[in-house]
Amino acid sequence: MMSSKVKVIVCLLRNDLRLHDNEVLHWANKTAEYVLPLYCFDPRHFQGTYHFDFPKTGAHRAKFLLQSVADLQNTLKSKGSGLVIRMGKPEEIVPQIINTVGQDQVSFVCYHEEATAEELEVESKLQKSCGVKVQSFWGHPLYHRDDLPFRIQQLPDVYTQFRKNVEGQARVRKSLTMPDKLQPLPPGVEEGQVPSLTDLGLTAAPEDPRSVMSFQGGETVALDRLNHYLWQSDSVSTYKETRNGLVGSDYSTKFSVWLANGCISPRHIYWEIKKYEAERLANQSTYWVTFELLWRDYFRYVALKYGKKLFSEGGIQEKAIPWKRDRNLLKAWMEGKTGVPFVDANMRELAATGFMSNRGRQNVASFLTKDLKLDWRMGAEWFESQLIDHDVCSNYGNWLYSAGIGNDPREDRKFNMIKQGLDYDPERLDYDTEVSSTSNRGLTMIL
């Protein structure tokens, strides 16, 4: 009896470095005899940022990414598949892979759609260059785009209105159940090796023992973290009360670092919380994690609605603000040498560890835009370079919010650095020599 499956499907993986609840891999393994998961280390990701030429993916981010890719390769191998790794632009590598396998053998290229300009341009170029059918999926947010109670162009410009409409009228889809055994790679394709930091033109940053926790990339660690935060420690039950704490790993979920690389699915987190609520406890804290996941959705849909305005000087409000571009002021801010203890401690933590608490992020962003009056894109691009949990929609959406040119309904929001330091870090005596051990959770930045 002849198989009804197509021969080969190439799965381009980007910010979806997981097996569980991965619609691209789920569909491909149902549809094809051979599945070729592919990750490309795009050289554009390791060049300078657009306006201010910071390393686009710094050493902290790159290390976490390499760990995540290696973990996924091991997971796929254990299921009978593999991960093909190449250095190059996807729109150039994918046609090469198709030619290697055979143009007549490959039926589809598939991927998860992204929301911002550079990634969408890659998708557009890939559709023109690959020479086979393209199948795309919408798989990054908690709530699917097709399930929203409004069209993207009618997306509310205030989060609270978005949240109430979505929670009242939409549903979270079930996580996809992945097969125990995956379809194999097509014959004759070499997987390739995970590159080193040196291969990417980077130098490893030493691990700082003062980090809130030792972050390691990959789906395996992400799922362990979810299990720890819910079932082993019950930390989720007090999340709302502890999210502004200062010391230790469990005051906040830290899920953002794995969500950013797609090592964990927001739907998987949601349904695991629902299970926790049914079996142990449902309270404001368990709900609040979902509340924060919805913030993440919101900024992705804001990016879809406003496109390149997300990166423009005037933001989505198109305000004409005379931003400064003083490199000396910027350098002091980046290096934690402004003379403002709470700002400096957080900026040094970022440089040393690639992480900063949400409370810290809100404060340093407010200081850069409202006190130093520097171009907000200087801060956004530095965060893009440094943060291990950098998510383009959340990062740029939040910087617009902080700069007063985004989705903040309150005019001229500004943080008092002295009061914030006293409220959230009162026992810190010497910010100039210590990295702030902030692991707190604020309103909109991270989980």
Protein backbone atom coordinates (compact mmCIF):
# COMPACT_ATOMS: atom_id res chain seq x y z
CA MET A 1 0.00 0.00 0.00
CA MET A 2 1.48 3.36 -1.04
CA SER A 3 2.06 6.02 1.59
CA SER A 4 -0.11 9.14 1.36
CA LYS A 5 2.63 11.20 2.94
CA VAL A 6 4.76 13.68 1.03
CA LYS A 7 8.45 12.91 0.78
CA VAL A 8 10.42 15.64 2.63
CA ILE A 9 9.53 18.77 4.62
CA VAL A 10 12.16 21.29 5.70
CA CYS A 11 11.33 22.93 9.05
CA LEU A 12 13.10 26.25 9.55
CA LEU A 13 13.39 26.82 13.28
CA ARG A 14 14.14 30.27 14.70
CA ASN A 15 12.66 31.41 18.02
CA ASP A 16 10.93 28.07 18.58
CA LEU A 17 13.73 25.89 19.96
CA ARG A 18 11.63 23.14 21.49
CA LEU A 19 9.92 19.90 20.62
CA HIS A 20 6.83 20.18 22.83
CA ASP A 21 3.84 22.13 21.47
CA ASN A 22 5.73 22.98 18.27
CA GLU A 23 3.21 23.22 15.43
CA VAL A 24 5.87 23.27 12.72
CA LEU A 25 7.37 19.96 13.85
CA HIS A 26 3.94 18.53 14.69
CA TRP A 27 2.57 19.21 11.21
CA ALA A 28 5.70 18.10 9.40
CA ASN A 29 5.89 14.79 11.26
CA LYS A 30 2.25 14.04 10.42
CA THR A 31 2.69 15.00 6.78
CA ALA A 32 6.06 13.77 5.54
CA GLU A 33 8.13 10.59 5.35
CA TYR A 34 11.26 12.57 6.16
CA VAL A 35 11.51 15.77 8.21
CA LEU A 36 14.51 18.07 8.13
CA PRO A 37 14.60 20.46 11.12
CA LEU A 38 17.02 23.28 10.32
CA TYR A 39 18.59 26.06 12.38
CA CYS A 40 20.66 28.78 10.68
CA PHE A 41 23.07 30.99 12.57
CA ASP A 42 22.28 34.11 10.60
CA PRO A 43 25.36 36.37 10.35
CA ARG A 44 23.10 39.45 10.51
CA HIS A 45 22.32 38.53 14.11
CA PHE A 46 25.98 38.95 15.02
CA GLN A 47 26.60 42.29 13.38
CA GLY A 48 25.89 45.74 14.84
CA THR A 49 22.50 47.07 15.89
CA TYR A 50 20.73 49.28 13.39
CA HIS A 51 21.27 52.78 14.79
CA PHE A 52 24.06 52.61 17.37
CA ASP A 53 26.13 49.60 16.28
CA PHE A 54 26.17 47.63 19.53
CA PRO A 55 26.86 43.90 19.08
CA LYS A 56 23.37 42.74 18.13
CA THR A 57 23.75 39.44 19.96
CA GLY A 58 26.24 39.83 22.79
CA ALA A 59 28.11 37.04 24.54
CA HIS A 60 25.48 36.41 27.24
CA ARG A 61 22.68 36.06 24.69
CA ALA A 62 24.78 34.00 22.30
CA LYS A 63 25.87 31.54 25.00
CA PHE A 64 22.25 30.92 25.99
CA LEU A 65 21.30 30.49 22.32
CA LEU A 66 24.08 27.97 21.69
CA GLN A 67 22.97 25.95 24.71
CA SER A 68 19.38 26.02 23.48
CA VAL A 69 20.29 24.81 19.99
CA ALA A 70 22.50 22.04 21.39
CA ASP A 71 19.73 20.88 23.72
CA LEU A 72 17.20 20.73 20.90
CA GLN A 73 19.62 18.79 18.70
CA ASN A 74 20.05 16.21 21.48
CA THR A 75 16.29 15.98 22.06
CA LEU A 76 15.51 15.47 18.38
CA LYS A 77 18.24 12.83 18.08
CA SER A 78 16.76 10.94 21.02
CA LYS A 79 13.44 10.79 19.14
CA GLY A 80 14.93 9.43 15.93
CA SER A 81 15.36 12.75 14.16
CA GLY A 82 18.09 15.41 14.32
CA LEU A 83 18.76 19.10 13.87
CA VAL A 84 20.66 20.33 10.82
CA ILE A 85 22.82 23.32 11.76
CA ARG A 86 24.28 25.76 9.28
CA MET A 87 26.00 29.14 9.34
CA GLY A 88 24.35 31.56 6.91
CA LYS A 89 21.22 33.44 5.91
CA PRO A 90 18.09 31.25 5.88
CA GLU A 91 16.99 32.49 2.46
CA GLU A 92 20.34 31.25 1.08
CA ILE A 93 20.81 28.11 3.19
CA VAL A 94 17.33 26.65 2.63
CA PRO A 95 17.67 26.51 -1.20
CA GLN A 96 21.09 24.89 -0.76
CA ILE A 97 19.57 22.26 1.54
CA ILE A 98 16.75 21.64 -0.96
CA ASN A 99 19.25 21.17 -3.77
CA THR A 100 21.22 18.71 -1.64
CA VAL A 101 18.12 16.65 -0.86
CA GLY A 102 16.70 17.06 -4.36
CA GLN A 103 14.21 19.65 -5.59
CA ASP A 104 11.81 16.87 -6.59
CA GLN A 105 11.99 15.34 -3.11
CA VAL A 106 11.13 18.40 -0.98
CA SER A 107 7.44 19.25 -0.90
CA PHE A 108 7.33 22.07 1.67
CA VAL A 109 9.33 24.52 3.73
CA CYS A 110 7.55 25.45 6.93
CA TYR A 111 8.16 27.84 9.82
CA HIS A 112 6.50 29.86 12.55
CA GLU A 113 5.69 33.39 11.45
CA GLU A 114 7.36 36.31 13.17
CA ALA A 115 5.97 39.81 13.70
CA THR A 116 8.73 42.37 13.05
CA ALA A 117 10.35 43.81 9.95
CA GLU A 118 13.71 42.03 9.74
CA GLU A 119 12.21 38.60 10.39
CA LEU A 120 9.33 39.21 7.97
CA GLU A 121 11.83 40.23 5.30
CA VAL A 122 13.61 36.89 5.74
CA GLU A 123 10.28 35.11 5.28
CA SER A 124 9.53 37.10 2.14
CA LYS A 125 12.96 36.37 0.63
CA LEU A 126 12.67 32.69 1.58
CA GLN A 127 9.32 32.35 -0.19
CA LYS A 128 10.93 33.71 -3.37
CA SER A 129 14.14 31.69 -3.18
CA CYS A 130 13.19 28.22 -1.96
CA GLY A 131 11.36 27.01 -5.06
CA VAL A 132 8.86 24.82 -3.17
CA LYS A 133 5.57 25.38 -1.35
CA VAL A 134 5.71 27.27 1.95
CA GLN A 135 3.52 26.49 4.95
CA SER A 136 3.60 28.90 7.88
CA PHE A 137 2.07 28.79 11.35
CA TRP A 138 1.34 31.29 14.10
CA GLY A 139 2.83 29.73 17.21
CA HIS A 140 4.55 32.19 19.55
CA PRO A 141 1.76 33.83 21.62
CA LEU A 142 -0.55 32.38 24.25
CA TYR A 143 -3.67 33.39 22.33
CA HIS A 144 -3.70 32.60 18.63
CA ARG A 145 -4.07 35.52 16.24
CA ASP A 146 -7.16 33.91 14.65
CA ASP A 147 -8.89 33.66 18.02
CA LEU A 148 -8.67 37.34 18.96
CA PRO A 149 -12.04 39.11 19.25
CA PHE A 150 -10.89 41.91 16.93
CA ARG A 151 -8.81 42.36 13.79
CA ILE A 152 -5.19 43.41 14.34
CA GLN A 153 -5.84 46.94 13.06
CA GLN A 154 -8.54 47.31 15.74
CA LEU A 155 -6.18 46.17 18.51
CA PRO A 156 -6.81 48.38 21.59
CA ASP A 157 -3.97 50.79 22.33
CA VAL A 158 -4.32 50.20 26.08
CA TYR A 159 -3.40 46.84 27.58
CA THR A 160 -6.29 46.69 30.08
CA GLN A 161 -8.87 46.93 27.32
CA PHE A 162 -7.02 44.28 25.30
CA ARG A 163 -6.82 41.96 28.31
CA LYS A 164 -10.50 42.27 29.22
CA ASN A 165 -11.64 41.65 25.65
CA VAL A 166 -9.35 38.67 25.14
CA GLU A 167 -10.04 37.04 28.51
CA GLY A 168 -13.77 37.51 28.05
CA GLN A 169 -14.12 36.39 24.45
CA ALA A 170 -11.15 34.22 23.42
CA ARG A 171 -9.75 30.88 24.48
CA VAL A 172 -6.30 29.38 24.81
CA ARG A 173 -5.83 26.44 22.48
CA LYS A 174 -4.68 23.12 23.85
CA SER A 175 -0.99 22.28 23.64
CA LEU A 176 -0.09 19.92 20.83
CA THR A 177 0.85 16.36 21.79
CA MET A 178 4.05 15.40 20.02
CA PRO A 179 4.80 11.85 18.86
CA ASP A 180 7.24 9.72 20.83
CA LYS A 181 9.04 8.78 17.63
CA LEU A 182 9.82 11.39 14.99
CA GLN A 183 10.29 10.98 11.27
CA PRO A 184 13.98 10.62 10.34
CA LEU A 185 16.19 13.08 8.52
CA PRO A 186 16.36 12.45 4.76
CA PRO A 187 19.36 10.31 3.71
CA GLY A 188 22.62 12.02 2.90
CA VAL A 189 22.18 15.17 4.98
CA GLU A 190 24.86 15.96 7.54
CA GLU A 191 23.61 17.57 10.71
CA GLY A 192 26.54 19.85 11.38
CA GLN A 193 27.96 21.07 14.67
CA VAL A 194 26.82 23.75 17.09
CA PRO A 195 29.33 26.59 16.60
CA SER A 196 31.38 28.09 19.40
CA LEU A 197 31.27 31.68 20.59
CA THR A 198 34.57 32.17 18.79
CA ASP A 199 32.99 30.95 15.55
CA LEU A 200 30.41 33.71 16.01
CA GLY A 201 33.11 36.32 16.57
CA LEU A 202 32.45 36.59 20.32
CA THR A 203 34.46 36.15 23.51
CA ALA A 204 32.90 34.30 26.41
CA ALA A 205 31.87 36.40 29.39
CA PRO A 206 32.87 34.97 32.78
CA GLU A 207 30.01 33.64 34.89
CA ASP A 208 29.31 35.99 37.78
CA PRO A 209 28.42 34.25 41.07
CA ARG A 210 26.20 37.20 42.02
CA SER A 211 23.67 36.36 39.30
CA VAL A 212 20.15 35.71 40.62
CA MET A 213 20.51 32.17 39.26
CA SER A 214 22.63 30.19 36.85
CA PHE A 215 20.77 30.44 33.56
CA GLN A 216 21.20 27.66 31.04
CA GLY A 217 19.51 27.49 27.65
CA GLY A 218 17.35 24.72 26.32
CA GLU A 219 13.96 23.06 26.50
CA THR A 220 15.16 20.51 29.06
CA VAL A 221 16.09 23.18 31.60
CA ALA A 222 12.98 25.21 30.77
CA LEU A 223 10.64 22.33 31.57
CA ASP A 224 12.60 21.60 34.75
CA ARG A 225 12.22 25.25 35.77
CA LEU A 226 8.46 25.12 35.22
CA ASN A 227 8.20 21.94 37.28
CA HIS A 228 10.31 23.48 40.05
CA TYR A 229 8.41 26.75 40.19
CA LEU A 230 5.01 25.07 40.30
CA TRP A 231 5.15 21.54 41.65
CA GLN A 232 8.39 21.31 43.62
CA SER A 233 8.51 24.68 45.38
CA ASP A 234 4.91 25.98 45.10
CA SER A 235 6.51 29.37 44.39
CA VAL A 236 3.74 30.16 41.92
CA SER A 237 1.27 30.33 44.81
CA THR A 238 2.95 33.47 46.17
CA TYR A 239 4.14 35.01 42.91
CA LYS A 240 2.04 38.17 43.13
CA GLU A 241 3.36 38.95 46.60
CA THR A 242 7.01 38.08 45.95
CA ARG A 243 7.53 39.33 42.40
CA ASN A 244 9.20 42.50 43.72
CA GLY A 245 11.60 40.59 45.98
CA LEU A 246 15.35 41.08 45.72
CA VAL A 247 17.38 37.96 46.48
CA GLY A 248 17.19 34.42 45.15
CA SER A 249 15.81 32.64 42.12
CA ASP A 250 12.20 32.01 43.13
CA TYR A 251 10.78 35.47 43.71
CA SER A 252 9.78 35.47 40.05
CA THR A 253 9.34 32.76 37.47
CA LYS A 254 12.31 33.67 35.20
CA PHE A 255 10.35 31.98 32.41
CA SER A 256 11.11 34.93 30.11
CA VAL A 257 14.63 33.69 29.32
CA TRP A 258 13.29 30.44 27.85
CA LEU A 259 10.19 31.99 26.30
CA ALA A 260 12.39 34.41 24.36
CA ASN A 261 14.12 31.56 22.53
CA GLY A 262 11.00 29.44 22.28
CA CYS A 263 12.44 26.79 24.60
CA ILE A 264 9.09 26.66 26.36
CA SER A 265 5.59 27.22 25.03
CA PRO A 266 3.36 29.82 26.70
CA ARG A 267 0.42 27.49 26.14
CA HIS A 268 2.25 24.73 27.98
CA ILE A 269 2.85 27.10 30.92
CA TYR A 270 -0.81 28.15 30.88
CA TRP A 271 -2.22 24.63 30.92
CA GLU A 272 0.27 23.50 33.56
CA ILE A 273 -0.92 26.38 35.74
CA LYS A 274 -4.52 25.35 35.12
CA LYS A 275 -3.60 21.84 36.25
CA TYR A 276 -1.89 23.28 39.34
CA GLU A 277 -4.97 25.36 40.13
CA ALA A 278 -7.21 22.30 39.83
CA GLU A 279 -5.00 20.04 41.94
CA ARG A 280 -3.47 22.42 44.51
CA LEU A 281 -4.47 26.06 44.63
CA ALA A 282 -5.96 28.82 42.52
CA ASN A 283 -5.40 32.40 43.68
CA GLN A 284 -4.34 35.83 42.49
CA SER A 285 -0.73 34.68 42.16
CA THR A 286 -1.47 31.79 39.82
CA TYR A 287 -3.63 34.09 37.71
CA TRP A 288 -0.94 36.76 37.67
CA VAL A 289 1.49 34.58 35.74
CA THR A 290 -1.13 34.30 32.99
CA PHE A 291 -1.68 38.05 33.26
CA GLU A 292 2.01 38.56 32.46
CA LEU A 293 1.96 36.05 29.59
CA LEU A 294 -0.83 38.13 28.12
CA TRP A 295 1.39 41.23 28.27
CA ARG A 296 3.84 39.30 26.12
CA ASP A 297 1.06 38.58 23.62
CA TYR A 298 0.01 42.21 23.63
CA PHE A 299 3.38 43.55 22.54
CA ARG A 300 3.57 40.99 19.74
CA TYR A 301 0.21 42.15 18.42
CA VAL A 302 1.23 45.80 18.86
CA ALA A 303 4.20 44.98 16.61
CA LEU A 304 1.87 43.49 14.01
CA LYS A 305 -0.40 46.53 14.12
CA TYR A 306 2.28 49.22 13.92
CA GLY A 307 5.06 47.57 11.93
CA LYS A 308 8.21 49.66 11.57
CA LYS A 309 6.82 52.40 13.83
CA LEU A 310 7.91 50.14 16.69
CA PHE A 311 11.50 51.13 15.87
CA SER A 312 11.02 54.75 14.83
CA GLU A 313 12.27 57.73 16.81
CA GLY A 314 8.75 58.98 17.56
CA GLY A 315 7.34 55.55 18.33
CA ILE A 316 3.81 54.45 17.58
CA GLN A 317 2.53 57.85 18.74
CA GLU A 318 4.84 59.59 16.24
CA LYS A 319 5.82 62.22 18.80
CA ALA A 320 8.54 64.71 17.93
CA ILE A 321 10.79 64.65 20.99
CA PRO A 322 14.26 66.29 20.87
CA TRP A 323 16.19 63.26 22.11
CA LYS A 324 19.87 63.67 22.96
CA ARG A 325 22.49 61.34 21.53
CA ASP A 326 25.32 62.14 23.91
CA ARG A 327 27.72 59.18 23.77
CA ASN A 328 29.40 60.10 27.06
CA LEU A 329 26.08 60.06 28.94
CA LEU A 330 25.20 56.79 27.24
CA LYS A 331 28.54 55.23 28.19
CA ALA A 332 28.05 56.21 31.85
CA TRP A 333 24.59 54.63 31.80
CA MET A 334 25.78 51.45 30.08
CA GLU A 335 28.71 50.98 32.44
CA GLY A 336 26.76 51.78 35.62
CA LYS A 337 28.70 54.98 36.31
CA THR A 338 25.92 57.58 36.44
CA GLY A 339 26.35 58.22 40.16
CA VAL A 340 22.76 57.11 40.84
CA PRO A 341 23.16 53.95 42.94
CA PHE A 342 19.98 52.10 41.99
CA VAL A 343 20.54 52.72 38.28
CA ASP A 344 24.22 51.81 38.42
CA ALA A 345 23.67 48.59 40.34
CA ASN A 346 21.13 47.36 37.82
CA MET A 347 23.24 48.31 34.81
CA ARG A 348 26.26 46.51 36.25
CA GLU A 349 24.13 43.47 36.90
CA LEU A 350 23.09 43.48 33.25
CA ALA A 351 26.68 43.73 32.02
CA ALA A 352 27.88 40.99 34.37
CA THR A 353 25.05 38.48 33.92
CA GLY A 354 22.88 39.33 30.92
CA PHE A 355 19.86 39.67 33.21
CA MET A 356 18.11 42.43 35.12
CA SER A 357 14.93 42.43 37.17
CA ASN A 358 11.83 44.03 35.76
CA ARG A 359 11.88 46.64 38.50
CA GLY A 360 15.41 47.47 37.45
CA ARG A 361 14.48 47.62 33.78
CA GLN A 362 11.68 50.07 34.37
CA ASN A 363 13.94 52.29 36.43
CA VAL A 364 16.96 52.37 34.14
CA ALA A 365 14.70 52.95 31.13
CA SER A 366 12.95 55.82 32.89
CA PHE A 367 16.31 57.30 33.87
CA LEU A 368 17.70 57.13 30.34
CA THR A 369 14.64 58.66 28.68
CA LYS A 370 13.27 61.03 31.34
CA ASP A 371 16.38 62.14 33.27
CA LEU A 372 19.20 61.85 30.75
CA LYS A 373 16.73 62.52 27.90
CA LEU A 374 18.70 60.22 25.61
CA ASP A 375 17.24 58.63 22.49
CA TRP A 376 15.22 55.67 23.75
CA ARG A 377 16.61 53.51 20.94
CA MET A 378 20.05 53.70 22.56
CA GLY A 379 18.62 51.86 25.55
CA ALA A 380 16.54 49.45 23.48
CA GLU A 381 19.50 48.45 21.33
CA TRP A 382 21.76 47.98 24.35
CA PHE A 383 19.14 45.73 25.94
CA GLU A 384 18.87 43.84 22.64
CA SER A 385 22.61 43.24 22.76
CA GLN A 386 22.83 42.17 26.38
CA LEU A 387 19.62 40.55 27.64
CA ILE A 388 19.47 36.76 27.55
CA ASP A 389 15.68 37.08 27.46
CA HIS A 390 15.58 39.62 24.65
CA ASP A 391 12.31 39.39 22.75
CA VAL A 392 12.11 42.00 20.01
CA CYS A 393 8.41 42.79 20.48
CA SER A 394 8.52 42.97 24.28
CA ASN A 395 11.81 44.87 24.38
CA TYR A 396 10.92 47.57 21.89
CA GLY A 397 7.29 47.75 23.03
CA ASN A 398 8.38 48.29 26.60
CA TRP A 399 10.97 50.91 25.69
CA LEU A 400 8.30 52.85 23.81
CA TYR A 401 6.10 52.50 26.87
CA SER A 402 8.85 53.84 29.13
CA ALA A 403 9.69 56.68 26.75
CA GLY A 404 6.07 57.86 26.67
CA ILE A 405 5.62 57.18 22.96
CA GLY A 406 4.02 53.75 23.15
CA ASN A 407 1.04 52.11 24.82
CA ASP A 408 1.21 53.76 28.24
CA PRO A 409 -2.11 55.58 28.89
CA ARG A 410 -0.50 57.71 31.59
CA GLU A 411 1.22 60.90 30.46
CA ASP A 412 4.86 61.45 31.38
CA ARG A 413 5.39 58.46 33.66
CA LYS A 414 8.68 58.91 35.51
CA PHE A 415 10.34 56.95 38.32
CA ASN A 416 11.93 58.55 41.36
CA MET A 417 15.27 56.72 41.55
CA ILE A 418 15.91 57.52 45.21
CA LYS A 419 12.47 56.37 46.33
CA GLN A 420 12.68 53.26 44.14
CA GLY A 421 16.07 52.37 45.62
CA LEU A 422 14.78 52.81 49.15
CA ASP A 423 11.57 50.87 48.42
CA TYR A 424 13.14 47.94 46.60
CA ASP A 425 16.81 47.79 47.62
CA PRO A 426 17.06 49.47 51.06
CA GLU A 427 19.80 47.20 52.39
CA ARG A 428 22.21 47.73 49.52
CA LEU A 429 25.07 49.74 51.00
CA ASP A 430 27.60 49.94 48.18
CA TYR A 431 26.15 49.87 44.70
CA ASP A 432 29.45 50.84 43.14
CA THR A 433 31.10 47.54 44.03
CA GLU A 434 28.17 45.15 44.22
CA VAL A 435 25.88 43.83 41.52
CA SER A 436 22.29 44.27 42.61
CA SER A 437 20.68 40.91 43.34
CA THR A 438 17.34 41.96 41.95
CA SER A 439 15.07 39.13 40.91
CA ASN A 440 11.83 41.04 41.29
CA ARG A 441 8.94 41.25 38.93
CA GLY A 442 7.22 44.47 37.99
CA LEU A 443 4.43 45.31 35.61
CA THR A 444 5.27 44.69 31.99
CA MET A 445 8.80 43.57 31.16
CA ILE A 446 9.47 39.97 32.10
CA LEU A 447 8.17 36.92 33.90
